[in-house]
Amino acid sequence: MILNETSIAEIKKRMVRYPRRKSAILPAITVAYRQVGHLNGELYREISQII
């Protein structure tokens, strides 16, 4: 698991703003990028499991 609990909570908080969960993908990627500093396949998979 790459993302910490704070980032996961932030992604879930942002998801409620959108009528469809998948619409929150860009905000989720932004949160992940701010924590890790780069994006990769493993990070994308983790985000997809959260969303």
Protein backbone atom coordinates (compact mmCIF):
# COMPACT_ATOMS: atom_id res chain seq x y z
CA MET A 1 0.00 0.00 0.00
CA ILE A 2 1.51 3.26 -1.13
CA LEU A 3 -1.07 5.79 0.04
CA ASN A 4 -1.30 6.65 3.71
CA GLU A 5 -4.56 6.81 5.66
CA THR A 6 -4.74 10.60 5.37
CA SER A 7 -4.61 10.47 1.57
CA ILE A 8 -7.18 7.67 1.42
CA ALA A 9 -9.52 9.67 3.65
CA GLU A 10 -9.04 12.75 1.46
CA ILE A 11 -9.88 10.75 -1.68
CA LYS A 12 -13.03 9.37 -0.06
CA LYS A 13 -14.01 12.87 1.10
CA ARG A 14 -13.65 14.20 -2.44
CA MET A 15 -15.62 11.30 -3.92
CA VAL A 16 -18.85 12.40 -2.23
CA ARG A 17 -18.80 15.63 -4.25
CA TYR A 18 -19.45 13.75 -7.49
CA PRO A 19 -22.65 12.00 -8.58
CA ARG A 20 -20.61 9.06 -9.96
CA ARG A 21 -17.64 7.68 -8.06
CA LYS A 22 -15.50 7.36 -11.18
CA SER A 23 -15.81 11.10 -11.76
CA ALA A 24 -13.48 11.60 -8.79
CA ILE A 25 -10.50 10.04 -10.59
CA LEU A 26 -8.64 13.31 -11.27
CA PRO A 27 -8.97 14.61 -7.72
CA ALA A 28 -7.82 11.18 -6.48
CA ILE A 29 -4.79 11.26 -8.76
CA THR A 30 -3.99 14.76 -7.52
CA VAL A 31 -4.06 13.63 -3.89
CA ALA A 32 -1.84 10.66 -4.70
CA TYR A 33 0.63 12.76 -6.66
CA ARG A 34 0.93 15.28 -3.83
CA GLN A 35 1.79 12.50 -1.39
CA VAL A 36 4.12 10.38 -3.52
CA GLY A 37 5.52 12.87 -6.03
CA HIS A 38 5.04 10.62 -9.06
CA LEU A 39 2.47 8.28 -10.59
CA ASN A 40 2.92 4.64 -11.57
CA GLY A 41 0.88 1.54 -12.29
CA GLU A 42 0.80 0.36 -8.70
CA LEU A 43 -0.53 3.73 -7.57
CA TYR A 44 -3.22 3.70 -10.28
CA ARG A 45 -4.30 0.23 -9.14
CA GLU A 46 -4.53 1.39 -5.54
CA ILE A 47 -6.65 4.39 -6.54
CA SER A 48 -8.93 2.14 -8.60
CA GLN A 49 -9.50 -0.08 -5.55
CA ILE A 50 -10.45 2.94 -3.45
CA ILE A 51 -12.80 4.34 -6.07
